PDB file of N, CA and C in Angstrom:
ATOM      1  N   UNK A   1       0.856  -1.212   0.026  1.00  0.00           N
ATOM      2  CA  UNK A   1      -0.069  -0.009   0.018  1.00  0.00           C
ATOM      3  C   UNK A   1       0.924   1.166  -0.054  1.00  0.00           C
ATOM      4  N   UNK A   2       0.463   2.247  -0.780  1.00  0.00           N
ATOM      5  CA  UNK A   2       1.551   3.445  -0.788  1.00  0.00           C
ATOM      6  C   UNK A   2       1.271   4.323   0.401  1.00  0.00           C
ATOM      7  N   UNK A   3       2.167   5.095   0.672  1.00  0.00           N
ATOM      8  CA  UNK A   3       2.213   6.018   1.867  1.00  0.00           C
ATOM      9  C   UNK A   3       1.273   6.916   1.635  1.00  0.00           C
ATOM     10  N   UNK A   4       1.046   7.365   0.468  1.00  0.00           N
ATOM     11  CA  UNK A   4       0.140   8.565   0.169  1.00  0.00           C
ATOM     12  C   UNK A   4      -1.399   8.024   0.466  1.00  0.00           C
ATOM     13  N   UNK A   5      -1.472   6.820   0.139  1.00  0.00           N
ATOM     14  CA  UNK A   5      -3.012   6.243   0.307  1.00  0.00           C
ATOM     15  C   UNK A   5      -3.215   6.093   1.913  1.00  0.00           C
ATOM     16  N   UNK A   6      -2.152   5.545   2.612  1.00  0.00           N
ATOM     17  CA  UNK A   6      -2.361   5.402   4.042  1.00  0.00           C
ATOM     18  C   UNK A   6      -2.502   6.548   4.870  1.00  0.00           C
ATOM     19  N   UNK A   7      -1.641   7.940   4.284  1.00  0.00           N
ATOM     20  CA  UNK A   7      -2.055   9.296   4.917  1.00  0.00           C
ATOM     21  C   UNK A   7      -3.230   9.640   4.611  1.00  0.00           C
ATOM     22  N   UNK A   8      -4.204   9.510   3.430  1.00  0.00           N
ATOM     23  CA  UNK A   8      -5.311   9.839   3.241  1.00  0.00           C
ATOM     24  C   UNK A   8      -6.604   9.099   3.966  1.00  0.00           C
ATOM     25  N   UNK A   9      -5.942   7.858   4.288  1.00  0.00           N
ATOM     26  CA  UNK A   9      -7.163   6.877   4.957  1.00  0.00           C
ATOM     27  C   UNK A   9      -7.055   6.927   6.552  1.00  0.00           C
ATOM     28  N   UNK A  10      -6.043   7.458   6.957  1.00  0.00           N
ATOM     29  CA  UNK A  10      -5.754   7.510   8.433  1.00  0.00           C
ATOM     30  C   UNK A  10      -5.671   8.861   8.932  1.00  0.00           C
ATOM     31  N   UNK A  11      -6.381   9.048   9.978  1.00  0.00           N
ATOM     32  CA  UNK A  11      -6.308  10.362  10.668  1.00  0.00           C
ATOM     33  C   UNK A  11      -6.370  10.350  12.144  1.00  0.00           C
ATOM     34  N   UNK A  12      -5.725  11.191  12.925  1.00  0.00           N
ATOM     35  CA  UNK A  12      -5.775  11.249  14.194  1.00  0.00           C
ATOM     36  C   UNK A  12      -7.198  11.876  14.775  1.00  0.00           C
ATOM     37  N   UNK A  13      -7.642  11.112  15.765  1.00  0.00           N
ATOM     38  CA  UNK A  13      -8.901  11.670  16.306  1.00  0.00           C
ATOM     39  C   UNK A  13      -8.452  12.525  17.506  1.00  0.00           C
ATOM     40  N   UNK A  14      -9.016  13.691  17.490  1.00  0.00           N
ATOM     41  CA  UNK A  14      -8.652  14.573  18.429  1.00  0.00           C
ATOM     42  C   UNK A  14      -9.630  14.421  19.568  1.00  0.00           C
ATOM     43  N   UNK A  15      -9.487  15.047  20.679  1.00  0.00           N
ATOM     44  CA  UNK A  15     -10.379  14.782  21.988  1.00  0.00           C
ATOM     45  C   UNK A  15     -11.556  15.571  21.605  1.00  0.00           C
ATOM     46  N   UNK A  16     -11.681  16.458  20.861  1.00  0.00           N
ATOM     47  CA  UNK A  16     -12.942  17.157  20.569  1.00  0.00           C
ATOM     48  C   UNK A  16     -13.733  15.955  19.620  1.00  0.00           C
ATOM     49  N   UNK A  17     -13.250  15.461  18.609  1.00  0.00           N
ATOM     50  CA  UNK A  17     -13.900  14.321  17.878  1.00  0.00           C
ATOM     51  C   UNK A  17     -14.321  13.230  18.738  1.00  0.00           C
ATOM     52  N   UNK A  18     -13.659  12.774  19.838  1.00  0.00           N
ATOM     53  CA  UNK A  18     -13.966  11.731  20.776  1.00  0.00           C
ATOM     54  C   UNK A  18     -15.163  12.306  21.578  1.00  0.00           C
ATOM     55  N   UNK A  19     -15.351  13.378  21.891  1.00  0.00           N
ATOM     56  CA  UNK A  19     -16.539  13.896  22.691  1.00  0.00           C
ATOM     57  C   UNK A  19     -17.743  14.019  21.837  1.00  0.00           C
ATOM     58  N   UNK A  20     -17.446  14.296  20.579  1.00  0.00           N
ATOM     59  CA  UNK A  20     -18.531  14.294  19.732  1.00  0.00           C
ATOM     60  C   UNK A  20     -19.081  12.928  19.482  1.00  0.00           C
ATOM     61  N   UNK A  21     -18.126  11.990  19.213  1.00  0.00           N
ATOM     62  CA  UNK A  21     -18.602  10.521  19.051  1.00  0.00           C
ATOM     63  C   UNK A  21     -19.361  10.123  20.141  1.00  0.00           C
ATOM     64  N   UNK A  22     -18.885  10.360  21.372  1.00  0.00           N
ATOM     65  CA  UNK A  22     -19.679   9.972  22.589  1.00  0.00           C
ATOM     66  C   UNK A  22     -20.997  10.527  22.520  1.00  0.00           C
ATOM     67  N   UNK A  23     -21.153  11.765  22.320  1.00  0.00           N
ATOM     68  CA  UNK A  23     -22.392  12.387  22.191  1.00  0.00           C
ATOM     69  C   UNK A  23     -23.354  11.874  21.389  1.00  0.00           C
ATOM     70  N   UNK A  24     -22.909  11.412  20.171  1.00  0.00           N
ATOM     71  CA  UNK A  24     -23.883  10.678  19.217  1.00  0.00           C
ATOM     72  C   UNK A  24     -24.158   9.251  19.744  1.00  0.00           C
ATOM     73  N   UNK A  25     -23.362   8.424  20.549  1.00  0.00           N
ATOM     74  CA  UNK A  25     -23.726   7.345  20.909  1.00  0.00           C
ATOM     75  C   UNK A  25     -24.812   7.471  21.926  1.00  0.00           C
ATOM     76  N   UNK A  26     -25.012   8.500  22.742  1.00  0.00           N
ATOM     77  CA  UNK A  26     -25.992   8.658  23.716  1.00  0.00           C
ATOM     78  C   UNK A  26     -27.390   9.522  23.098  1.00  0.00           C
ATOM     79  N   UNK A  27     -27.343   9.679  21.725  1.00  0.00           N
ATOM     80  CA  UNK A  27     -28.469  10.354  21.403  1.00  0.00           C
ATOM     81  C   UNK A  27     -29.594   9.413  21.069  1.00  0.00           C
ATOM     82  N   UNK A  28     -30.998   9.832  21.218  1.00  0.00           N
ATOM     83  CA  UNK A  28     -31.989   8.931  21.023  1.00  0.00           C
ATOM     84  C   UNK A  28     -32.133   8.398  19.603  1.00  0.00           C
ATOM     85  N   UNK A  29     -31.503   8.990  18.782  1.00  0.00           N
ATOM     86  CA  UNK A  29     -31.651   8.543  17.383  1.00  0.00           C
ATOM     87  C   UNK A  29     -30.740   7.244  17.072  1.00  0.00           C
ATOM     88  N   UNK A  30     -29.896   6.771  18.108  1.00  0.00           N
ATOM     89  CA  UNK A  30     -29.255   5.544  17.906  1.00  0.00           C
ATOM     90  C   UNK A  30     -30.042   4.462  17.595  1.00  0.00           C
ATOM     91  N   UNK A  31     -29.552   3.344  16.750  1.00  0.00           N
ATOM     92  CA  UNK A  31     -30.398   2.428  16.318  1.00  0.00           C
ATOM     93  C   UNK A  31     -30.587   1.298  17.683  1.00  0.00           C
ATOM     94  N   UNK A  32     -31.569   0.628  17.871  1.00  0.00           N
ATOM     95  CA  UNK A  32     -31.797  -0.300  19.035  1.00  0.00           C
ATOM     96  C   UNK A  32     -31.633  -1.633  18.550  1.00  0.00           C
ATOM     97  N   UNK A  33     -31.052  -2.409  19.449  1.00  0.00           N
ATOM     98  CA  UNK A  33     -30.861  -3.852  19.021  1.00  0.00           C
ATOM     99  C   UNK A  33     -32.346  -4.339  18.706  1.00  0.00           C
ATOM    100  N   UNK A  34     -32.363  -5.180  17.734  1.00  0.00           N
ATOM    101  CA  UNK A  34     -33.699  -5.924  17.313  1.00  0.00           C
ATOM    102  C   UNK A  34     -34.299  -6.742  18.607  1.00  0.00           C
ATOM    103  N   UNK A  35     -33.458  -7.189  19.305  1.00  0.00           N
ATOM    104  CA  UNK A  35     -33.745  -8.129  20.553  1.00  0.00           C
ATOM    105  C   UNK A  35     -34.561  -6.894  21.518  1.00  0.00           C
ATOM    106  N   UNK A  36     -34.165  -5.721  21.430  1.00  0.00           N
ATOM    107  CA  UNK A  36     -34.775  -4.771  22.674  1.00  0.00           C
ATOM    108  C   UNK A  36     -36.392  -4.528  22.205  1.00  0.00           C
ATOM    109  N   UNK A  37     -36.677  -4.677  20.724  1.00  0.00           N
ATOM    110  CA  UNK A  37     -37.841  -4.422  20.353  1.00  0.00           C
ATOM    111  C   UNK A  37     -38.642  -5.575  20.349  1.00  0.00           C
ATOM    112  N   UNK A  38     -38.241  -6.561  20.744  1.00  0.00           N
ATOM    113  CA  UNK A  38     -39.053  -8.067  20.844  1.00  0.00           C
ATOM    114  C   UNK A  38     -39.556  -8.420  19.408  1.00  0.00           C
ATOM    115  N   UNK A  39     -38.819  -8.058  18.370  1.00  0.00           N
ATOM    116  CA  UNK A  39     -39.377  -8.284  17.027  1.00  0.00           C
ATOM    117  C   UNK A  39     -38.831  -9.617  16.584  1.00  0.00           C
ATOM    118  N   UNK A  40     -37.695 -10.015  16.960  1.00  0.00           N
ATOM    119  CA  UNK A  40     -36.943 -11.323  16.532  1.00  0.00           C
ATOM    120  C   UNK A  40     -37.922 -12.342  16.640  1.00  0.00           C
ATOM    121  N   UNK A  41     -38.570 -12.662  17.679  1.00  0.00           N
ATOM    122  CA  UNK A  41     -39.381 -13.780  17.901  1.00  0.00           C
ATOM    123  C   UNK A  41     -40.827 -13.470  18.160  1.00  0.00           C
ATOM    124  N   UNK A  42     -41.140 -12.418  17.349  1.00  0.00           N
ATOM    125  CA  UNK A  42     -42.782 -11.912  17.554  1.00  0.00           C
ATOM    126  C   UNK A  42     -43.555 -13.129  17.051  1.00  0.00           C
ATOM    127  N   UNK A  43     -44.479 -13.368  17.826  1.00  0.00           N
ATOM    128  CA  UNK A  43     -45.681 -14.198  17.642  1.00  0.00           C
ATOM    129  C   UNK A  43     -45.301 -15.701  17.743  1.00  0.00           C
ATOM    130  N   UNK A  44     -44.080 -15.959  18.325  1.00  0.00           N
ATOM    131  CA  UNK A  44     -43.571 -17.345  18.767  1.00  0.00           C
ATOM    132  C   UNK A  44     -44.222 -17.652  20.073  1.00  0.00           C
ATOM    133  N   UNK A  45     -44.849 -18.849  19.931  1.00  0.00           N
ATOM    134  CA  UNK A  45     -45.424 -19.382  21.090  1.00  0.00           C
ATOM    135  C   UNK A  45     -44.839 -20.870  21.387  1.00  0.00           C
ATOM    136  N   UNK A  46     -44.011 -21.203  22.380  1.00  0.00           N
ATOM    137  CA  UNK A  46     -43.160 -22.127  22.491  1.00  0.00           C
ATOM    138  C   UNK A  46     -44.250 -23.465  23.087  1.00  0.00           C
ATOM    139  N   UNK A  47     -43.807 -24.530  22.354  1.00  0.00           N
ATOM    140  CA  UNK A  47     -44.851 -25.693  22.740  1.00  0.00           C
ATOM    141  C   UNK A  47     -44.297 -26.439  23.827  1.00  0.00           C
ATOM    142  N   UNK A  48     -45.153 -27.022  24.553  1.00  0.00           N
ATOM    143  CA  UNK A  48     -44.630 -27.812  25.527  1.00  0.00           C
ATOM    144  C   UNK A  48     -43.992 -29.000  24.987  1.00  0.00           C
ATOM    145  N   UNK A  49     -42.804 -29.337  25.736  1.00  0.00           N
ATOM    146  CA  UNK A  49     -41.872 -30.654  25.394  1.00  0.00           C
ATOM    147  C   UNK A  49     -41.910 -31.505  26.520  1.00  0.00           C
ATOM    148  N   UNK A  50     -41.608 -32.828  26.123  1.00  0.00           N
ATOM    149  CA  UNK A  50     -41.361 -33.921  26.948  1.00  0.00           C
ATOM    150  C   UNK A  50     -40.199 -34.746  26.560  1.00  0.00           C
ATOM    151  N   UNK A  51     -39.591 -35.438  27.484  1.00  0.00           N
ATOM    152  CA  UNK A  51     -38.584 -36.519  27.180  1.00  0.00           C
ATOM    153  C   UNK A  51     -39.152 -37.779  27.195  1.00  0.00           C
ATOM    154  N   UNK A  52     -39.015 -38.633  26.190  1.00  0.00           N
ATOM    155  CA  UNK A  52     -39.569 -39.910  26.159  1.00  0.00           C
ATOM    156  C   UNK A  52     -38.512 -40.889  25.260  1.00  0.00           C
ATOM    157  N   UNK A  53     -39.056 -42.205  25.450  1.00  0.00           N
ATOM    158  CA  UNK A  53     -38.179 -43.098  24.601  1.00  0.00           C
ATOM    159  C   UNK A  53     -38.168 -42.728  23.167  1.00  0.00           C
ATOM    160  N   UNK A  54     -37.140 -43.151  22.590  1.00  0.00           N
ATOM    161  CA  UNK A  54     -36.924 -42.774  21.059  1.00  0.00           C
ATOM    162  C   UNK A  54     -37.702 -43.689  20.263  1.00  0.00           C
ATOM    163  N   UNK A  55     -38.409 -43.111  19.241  1.00  0.00           N
ATOM    164  CA  UNK A  55     -39.140 -43.759  18.244  1.00  0.00           C
ATOM    165  C   UNK A  55     -38.246 -44.428  17.057  1.00  0.00           C
ATOM    166  N   UNK A  56     -36.940 -44.091  17.240  1.00  0.00           N
ATOM    167  CA  UNK A  56     -36.330 -44.559  16.032  1.00  0.00           C
ATOM    168  C   UNK A  56     -34.753 -44.773  16.791  1.00  0.00           C
ATOM    169  N   UNK A  57     -34.160 -45.872  16.596  1.00  0.00           N
ATOM    170  CA  UNK A  57     -32.751 -45.832  16.966  1.00  0.00           C
ATOM    171  C   UNK A  57     -32.014 -46.537  15.737  1.00  0.00           C
ATOM    172  N   UNK A  58     -30.799 -45.796  15.527  1.00  0.00           N
ATOM    173  CA  UNK A  58     -29.973 -46.363  14.265  1.00  0.00           C
ATOM    174  C   UNK A  58     -28.810 -47.172  15.096  1.00  0.00           C
ATOM    175  N   UNK A  59     -28.795 -48.332  14.503  1.00  0.00           N
ATOM    176  CA  UNK A  59     -27.527 -49.037  14.917  1.00  0.00           C
ATOM    177  C   UNK A  59     -26.760 -49.267  13.751  1.00  0.00           C
ATOM    178  N   UNK A  60     -25.298 -49.490  14.008  1.00  0.00           N
ATOM    179  CA  UNK A  60     -24.480 -49.671  12.829  1.00  0.00           C
ATOM    180  C   UNK A  60     -23.194 -49.969  13.223  1.00  0.00           C
ATOM    181  N   UNK A  61     -22.262 -50.215  12.236  1.00  0.00           N
ATOM    182  CA  UNK A  61     -20.786 -50.184  12.773  1.00  0.00           C
ATOM    183  C   UNK A  61     -20.067 -48.935  12.683  1.00  0.00           C
ATOM    184  N   UNK A  62     -19.121 -48.668  13.421  1.00  0.00           N
ATOM    185  CA  UNK A  62     -18.184 -47.511  13.215  1.00  0.00           C
ATOM    186  C   UNK A  62     -17.708 -47.447  11.723  1.00  0.00           C
ATOM    187  N   UNK A  63     -17.629 -46.136  11.185  1.00  0.00           N
ATOM    188  CA  UNK A  63     -17.258 -45.761   9.991  1.00  0.00           C
ATOM    189  C   UNK A  63     -18.379 -46.359   9.098  1.00  0.00           C
ATOM    190  N   UNK A  64     -19.576 -46.706   9.290  1.00  0.00           N
ATOM    191  CA  UNK A  64     -20.584 -47.386   8.422  1.00  0.00           C
ATOM    192  C   UNK A  64     -21.641 -46.308   8.089  1.00  0.00           C
ATOM    193  N   UNK A  65     -21.445 -44.847   8.361  1.00  0.00           N
ATOM    194  CA  UNK A  65     -22.287 -43.955   7.907  1.00  0.00           C
ATOM    195  C   UNK A  65     -23.577 -43.670   8.809  1.00  0.00           C
ATOM    196  N   UNK A  66     -23.263 -44.055   9.900  1.00  0.00           N
ATOM    197  CA  UNK A  66     -24.465 -43.821  11.140  1.00  0.00           C
ATOM    198  C   UNK A  66     -24.457 -42.278  11.311  1.00  0.00           C
ATOM    199  N   UNK A  67     -23.385 -41.674  11.537  1.00  0.00           N
ATOM    200  CA  UNK A  67     -23.305 -40.149  11.654  1.00  0.00           C
ATOM    201  C   UNK A  67     -24.090 -39.408  10.485  1.00  0.00           C
ATOM    202  N   UNK A  68     -23.661 -39.751   9.294  1.00  0.00           N
ATOM    203  CA  UNK A  68     -24.343 -39.072   8.108  1.00  0.00           C
ATOM    204  C   UNK A  68     -25.676 -39.290   8.074  1.00  0.00           C
ATOM    205  N   UNK A  69     -26.061 -40.521   8.240  1.00  0.00           N
ATOM    206  CA  UNK A  69     -27.524 -40.735   8.183  1.00  0.00           C
ATOM    207  C   UNK A  69     -28.404 -39.876   9.166  1.00  0.00           C
ATOM    208  N   UNK A  70     -27.694 -39.961  10.330  1.00  0.00           N
ATOM    209  CA  UNK A  70     -28.414 -39.065  11.713  1.00  0.00           C
ATOM    210  C   UNK A  70     -28.441 -37.746  11.358  1.00  0.00           C
ATOM    211  N   UNK A  71     -27.388 -36.988  10.745  1.00  0.00           N
ATOM    212  CA  UNK A  71     -27.514 -35.649  10.424  1.00  0.00           C
ATOM    213  C   UNK A  71     -28.474 -35.363   9.275  1.00  0.00           C
ATOM    214  N   UNK A  72     -28.661 -36.283   8.256  1.00  0.00           N
ATOM    215  CA  UNK A  72     -29.536 -36.087   7.204  1.00  0.00           C
ATOM    216  C   UNK A  72     -31.079 -36.073   7.776  1.00  0.00           C
ATOM    217  N   UNK A  73     -31.238 -37.032   8.603  1.00  0.00           N
ATOM    218  CA  UNK A  73     -32.625 -37.039   9.308  1.00  0.00           C
ATOM    219  C   UNK A  73     -32.778 -35.883  10.083  1.00  0.00           C
ATOM    220  N   UNK A  74     -31.821 -35.305  10.812  1.00  0.00           N
ATOM    221  CA  UNK A  74     -31.944 -34.260  11.631  1.00  0.00           C
ATOM    222  C   UNK A  74     -32.331 -32.849  10.895  1.00  0.00           C
ATOM    223  N   UNK A  75     -32.187 -32.931   9.628  1.00  0.00           N
ATOM    224  CA  UNK A  75     -32.744 -31.687   8.899  1.00  0.00           C
ATOM    225  C   UNK A  75     -34.062 -31.654   8.899  1.00  0.00           C
ATOM    226  N   UNK A  76     -34.877 -32.674   9.159  1.00  0.00           N
ATOM    227  CA  UNK A  76     -36.450 -32.692   9.213  1.00  0.00           C
ATOM    228  C   UNK A  76     -36.792 -32.106  10.353  1.00  0.00           C
ATOM    229  N   UNK A  77     -37.614 -31.172  10.442  1.00  0.00           N
ATOM    230  CA  UNK A  77     -38.239 -30.295  11.619  1.00  0.00           C
ATOM    231  C   UNK A  77     -38.848 -31.150  12.643  1.00  0.00           C
ATOM    232  N   UNK A  78     -39.456 -32.435  12.282  1.00  0.00           N
ATOM    233  CA  UNK A  78     -40.262 -33.264  13.315  1.00  0.00           C
ATOM    234  C   UNK A  78     -39.304 -34.360  13.886  1.00  0.00           C
ATOM    235  N   UNK A  79     -37.979 -34.336  13.559  1.00  0.00           N
ATOM    236  CA  UNK A  79     -37.169 -35.327  14.130  1.00  0.00           C
ATOM    237  C   UNK A  79     -36.180 -34.431  15.033  1.00  0.00           C
ATOM    238  N   UNK A  80     -36.059 -34.992  16.358  1.00  0.00           N
ATOM    239  CA  UNK A  80     -35.027 -34.460  17.231  1.00  0.00           C
ATOM    240  C   UNK A  80     -34.037 -35.617  17.435  1.00  0.00           C
ATOM    241  N   UNK A  81     -32.801 -35.413  17.542  1.00  0.00           N
ATOM    242  CA  UNK A  81     -31.689 -36.297  17.864  1.00  0.00           C
ATOM    243  C   UNK A  81     -31.021 -36.092  19.080  1.00  0.00           C
ATOM    244  N   UNK A  82     -30.573 -37.208  19.746  1.00  0.00           N
ATOM    245  CA  UNK A  82     -29.799 -37.002  20.920  1.00  0.00           C
ATOM    246  C   UNK A  82     -28.489 -36.527  20.466  1.00  0.00           C
ATOM    247  N   UNK A  83     -27.872 -35.697  21.188  1.00  0.00           N
ATOM    248  CA  UNK A  83     -26.712 -34.908  20.811  1.00  0.00           C
ATOM    249  C   UNK A  83     -25.391 -36.043  20.876  1.00  0.00           C
ATOM    250  N   UNK A  84     -25.503 -36.921  21.729  1.00  0.00           N
ATOM    251  CA  UNK A  84     -24.259 -37.794  21.811  1.00  0.00           C
ATOM    252  C   UNK A  84     -24.716 -39.161  21.569  1.00  0.00           C
ATOM    253  N   UNK A  85     -23.801 -40.148  21.324  1.00  0.00           N
ATOM    254  CA  UNK A  85     -23.991 -41.505  21.325  1.00  0.00           C
ATOM    255  C   UNK A  85     -24.145 -41.913  22.676  1.00  0.00           C
ATOM    256  N   UNK A  86     -25.268 -42.588  22.961  1.00  0.00           N
ATOM    257  CA  UNK A  86     -25.810 -42.987  24.223  1.00  0.00           C
ATOM    258  C   UNK A  86     -25.272 -44.575  24.673  1.00  0.00           C
ATOM    259  N   UNK A  87     -25.264 -45.364  23.763  1.00  0.00           N
ATOM    260  CA  UNK A  87     -24.887 -46.659  24.069  1.00  0.00           C
ATOM    261  C   UNK A  87     -25.513 -47.335  24.953  1.00  0.00           C
ATOM    262  N   UNK A  88     -26.901 -47.258  25.048  1.00  0.00           N
ATOM    263  CA  UNK A  88     -27.689 -47.927  26.018  1.00  0.00           C
ATOM    264  C   UNK A  88     -27.744 -49.383  26.113  1.00  0.00           C
ATOM    265  N   UNK A  89     -27.960 -49.846  24.688  1.00  0.00           N
ATOM    266  CA  UNK A  89     -28.190 -51.229  24.748  1.00  0.00           C
ATOM    267  C   UNK A  89     -26.929 -52.096  24.675  1.00  0.00           C
ATOM    268  N   UNK A  90     -25.729 -51.363  24.692  1.00  0.00           N
ATOM    269  CA  UNK A  90     -24.325 -52.181  24.518  1.00  0.00           C
ATOM    270  C   UNK A  90     -23.643 -51.893  25.597  1.00  0.00           C
ATOM    271  N   UNK A  91     -23.825 -50.689  26.385  1.00  0.00           N
ATOM    272  CA  UNK A  91     -23.036 -50.294  27.549  1.00  0.00           C
ATOM    273  C   UNK A  91     -23.690 -49.933  28.780  1.00  0.00           C
ATOM    274  N   UNK A  92     -24.753 -49.298  28.616  1.00  0.00           N
ATOM    275  CA  UNK A  92     -25.650 -48.753  29.839  1.00  0.00           C
ATOM    276  C   UNK A  92     -26.803 -49.227  30.145  1.00  0.00           C
ATOM    277  N   UNK A  93     -27.314 -50.420  29.629  1.00  0.00           N
ATOM    278  CA  UNK A  93     -28.387 -50.989  29.975  1.00  0.00           C
ATOM    279  C   UNK A  93     -28.842 -51.165  31.427  1.00  0.00           C
ATOM    280  N   UNK A  94     -27.721 -51.441  32.274  1.00  0.00           N
ATOM    281  CA  UNK A  94     -28.118 -51.533  33.514  1.00  0.00           C
ATOM    282  C   UNK A  94     -28.459 -50.326  34.431  1.00  0.00           C
ATOM    283  N   UNK A  95     -28.298 -49.188  33.727  1.00  0.00           N
ATOM    284  CA  UNK A  95     -28.784 -47.871  34.263  1.00  0.00           C
ATOM    285  C   UNK A  95     -30.152 -47.507  34.220  1.00  0.00           C
ATOM    286  N   UNK A  96     -30.872 -48.467  33.388  1.00  0.00           N
ATOM    287  CA  UNK A  96     -32.282 -48.408  33.389  1.00  0.00           C
ATOM    288  C   UNK A  96     -33.123 -47.420  32.216  1.00  0.00           C
ATOM    289  N   UNK A  97     -34.587 -47.764  32.140  1.00  0.00           N
ATOM    290  CA  UNK A  97     -35.082 -47.021  31.303  1.00  0.00           C
ATOM    291  C   UNK A  97     -35.160 -45.482  31.532  1.00  0.00           C
ATOM    292  N   UNK A  98     -35.281 -45.052  32.937  1.00  0.00           N
ATOM    293  CA  UNK A  98     -35.193 -43.574  33.173  1.00  0.00           C
ATOM    294  C   UNK A  98     -34.158 -42.934  32.783  1.00  0.00           C
ATOM    295  N   UNK A  99     -33.024 -43.611  32.985  1.00  0.00           N
ATOM    296  CA  UNK A  99     -31.713 -42.949  32.364  1.00  0.00           C
ATOM    297  C   UNK A  99     -31.806 -42.713  31.041  1.00  0.00           C
ATOM    298  N   UNK A 100     -32.112 -43.831  30.344  1.00  0.00           N
ATOM    299  CA  UNK A 100     -32.213 -43.783  28.886  1.00  0.00           C
ATOM    300  C   UNK A 100     -32.968 -42.662  28.430  1.00  0.00           C
ATOM    301  N   UNK A 101     -34.284 -42.495  29.045  1.00  0.00           N
ATOM    302  CA  UNK A 101     -35.138 -41.419  28.617  1.00  0.00           C
ATOM    303  C   UNK A 101     -34.642 -40.042  29.011  1.00  0.00           C
ATOM    304  N   UNK A 102     -33.868 -39.972  30.046  1.00  0.00           N
ATOM    305  CA  UNK A 102     -33.187 -38.576  30.387  1.00  0.00           C
ATOM    306  C   UNK A 102     -32.155 -38.030  29.437  1.00  0.00           C
ATOM    307  N   UNK A 103     -31.706 -39.016  28.842  1.00  0.00           N
ATOM    308  CA  UNK A 103     -30.525 -38.874  27.679  1.00  0.00           C
ATOM    309  C   UNK A 103     -31.113 -38.270  26.265  1.00  0.00           C
ATOM    310  N   UNK A 104     -32.506 -38.379  26.154  1.00  0.00           N
ATOM    311  CA  UNK A 104     -33.218 -38.089  24.821  1.00  0.00           C
ATOM    312  C   UNK A 104     -33.638 -36.456  24.932  1.00  0.00           C
ATOM    313  N   UNK A 105     -33.448 -36.065  23.714  1.00  0.00           N
ATOM    314  CA  UNK A 105     -33.887 -34.753  23.622  1.00  0.00           C
ATOM    315  C   UNK A 105     -35.400 -34.437  23.812  1.00  0.00           C
ATOM    316  N   UNK A 106     -35.573 -33.162  24.271  1.00  0.00           N
ATOM    317  CA  UNK A 106     -37.126 -32.675  24.559  1.00  0.00           C
ATOM    318  C   UNK A 106     -37.788 -32.553  23.185  1.00  0.00           C
ATOM    319  N   UNK A 107     -38.906 -33.409  23.203  1.00  0.00           N
ATOM    320  CA  UNK A 107     -39.896 -33.178  21.835  1.00  0.00           C
ATOM    321  C   UNK A 107     -41.033 -32.611  22.155  1.00  0.00           C
ATOM    322  N   UNK A 108     -41.608 -31.990  21.103  1.00  0.00           N
ATOM    323  CA  UNK A 108     -42.958 -31.402  21.150  1.00  0.00           C
ATOM    324  C   UNK A 108     -43.949 -32.386  20.445  1.00  0.00           C
ATOM    325  N   UNK A 109     -45.188 -32.146  20.683  1.00  0.00           N
ATOM    326  CA  UNK A 109     -46.426 -32.831  20.002  1.00  0.00           C
ATOM    327  C   UNK A 109     -45.950 -33.031  18.484  1.00  0.00           C
ATOM    328  N   UNK A 110     -45.988 -34.266  17.925  1.00  0.00           N
ATOM    329  CA  UNK A 110     -45.674 -34.455  16.510  1.00  0.00           C
ATOM    330  C   UNK A 110     -44.249 -34.607  16.156  1.00  0.00           C
ATOM    331  N   UNK A 111     -43.364 -34.384  16.982  1.00  0.00           N
ATOM    332  CA  UNK A 111     -41.955 -34.640  16.693  1.00  0.00           C
ATOM    333  C   UNK A 111     -41.607 -36.157  17.364  1.00  0.00           C
ATOM    334  N   UNK A 112     -40.544 -36.654  16.679  1.00  0.00           N
ATOM    335  CA  UNK A 112     -40.067 -37.928  17.392  1.00  0.00           C
ATOM    336  C   UNK A 112     -38.635 -37.650  17.539  1.00  0.00           C
ATOM    337  N   UNK A 113     -38.306 -38.635  18.827  1.00  0.00           N
ATOM    338  CA  UNK A 113     -36.873 -38.422  19.281  1.00  0.00           C
ATOM    339  C   UNK A 113     -36.123 -39.862  18.596  1.00  0.00           C
ATOM    340  N   UNK A 114     -34.837 -39.583  18.478  1.00  0.00           N
ATOM    341  CA  UNK A 114     -34.204 -40.798  18.058  1.00  0.00           C
ATOM    342  C   UNK A 114     -32.640 -40.462  18.343  1.00  0.00           C
ATOM    343  N   UNK A 115     -31.955 -41.524  18.235  1.00  0.00           N
ATOM    344  CA  UNK A 115     -30.596 -41.697  18.704  1.00  0.00           C
ATOM    345  C   UNK A 115     -29.957 -42.656  17.764  1.00  0.00           C
ATOM    346  N   UNK A 116     -28.531 -42.694  17.760  1.00  0.00           N
ATOM    347  CA  UNK A 116     -27.701 -43.624  17.031  1.00  0.00           C
ATOM    348  C   UNK A 116     -26.702 -44.073  18.009  1.00  0.00           C
ATOM    349  N   UNK A 117     -26.284 -45.414  17.660  1.00  0.00           N
ATOM    350  CA  UNK A 117     -25.339 -45.988  18.589  1.00  0.00           C
ATOM    351  C   UNK A 117     -24.630 -47.057  17.702  1.00  0.00           C
ATOM    352  N   UNK A 118     -23.391 -46.676  17.357  1.00  0.00           N
ATOM    353  CA  UNK A 118     -22.450 -47.430  16.448  1.00  0.00           C
ATOM    354  C   UNK A 118     -22.031 -48.457  17.237  1.00  0.00           C
ATOM    355  N   UNK A 119     -21.777 -49.826  16.685  1.00  0.00           N
ATOM    356  CA  UNK A 119     -21.361 -50.911  17.386  1.00  0.00           C
ATOM    357  C   UNK A 119     -19.703 -50.908  17.059  1.00  0.00           C
ATOM    358  N   UNK A 120     -19.066 -51.666  17.650  1.00  0.00           N
ATOM    359  CA  UNK A 120     -17.599 -51.678  17.492  1.00  0.00           C
ATOM    360  C   UNK A 120     -17.171 -52.779  16.400  1.00  0.00           C
ATOM    361  N   UNK A 121     -16.181 -52.295  15.403  1.00  0.00           N
ATOM    362  CA  UNK A 121     -15.797 -53.245  14.416  1.00  0.00           C
ATOM    363  C   UNK A 121     -15.096 -54.363  15.153  1.00  0.00           C
ATOM    364  N   UNK A 122     -15.396 -55.499  14.418  1.00  0.00           N
ATOM    365  CA  UNK A 122     -14.846 -56.773  15.112  1.00  0.00           C
ATOM    366  C   UNK A 122     -13.866 -57.472  14.018  1.00  0.00           C
TER     367      UNK A 122
END
């Protein structure tokens, strides 16, 4: 970049300029954040959610595409997936049904919960 260009685009801010900028920030004409106006989610009514047994479980082998399948299904608005691999049927069955349900995502009416658990390669 040329020195002339730098000199044209950079200028020192005097203390008077700083005071003027502060006054502008305090003015009533400053833009408000959209959240302050409650416009962002206007008309949104949250639906009650519950945790329950999954309606679908994806089983497969490691590196067998189970993650990809789950991510594609997760695009659908009526499908909610567990965020981690729960391994209930192969590692945590002794923790019981209530523990398993507590690992499921909260779902609203009309949505289904699902999870995936890849098995070990043998």
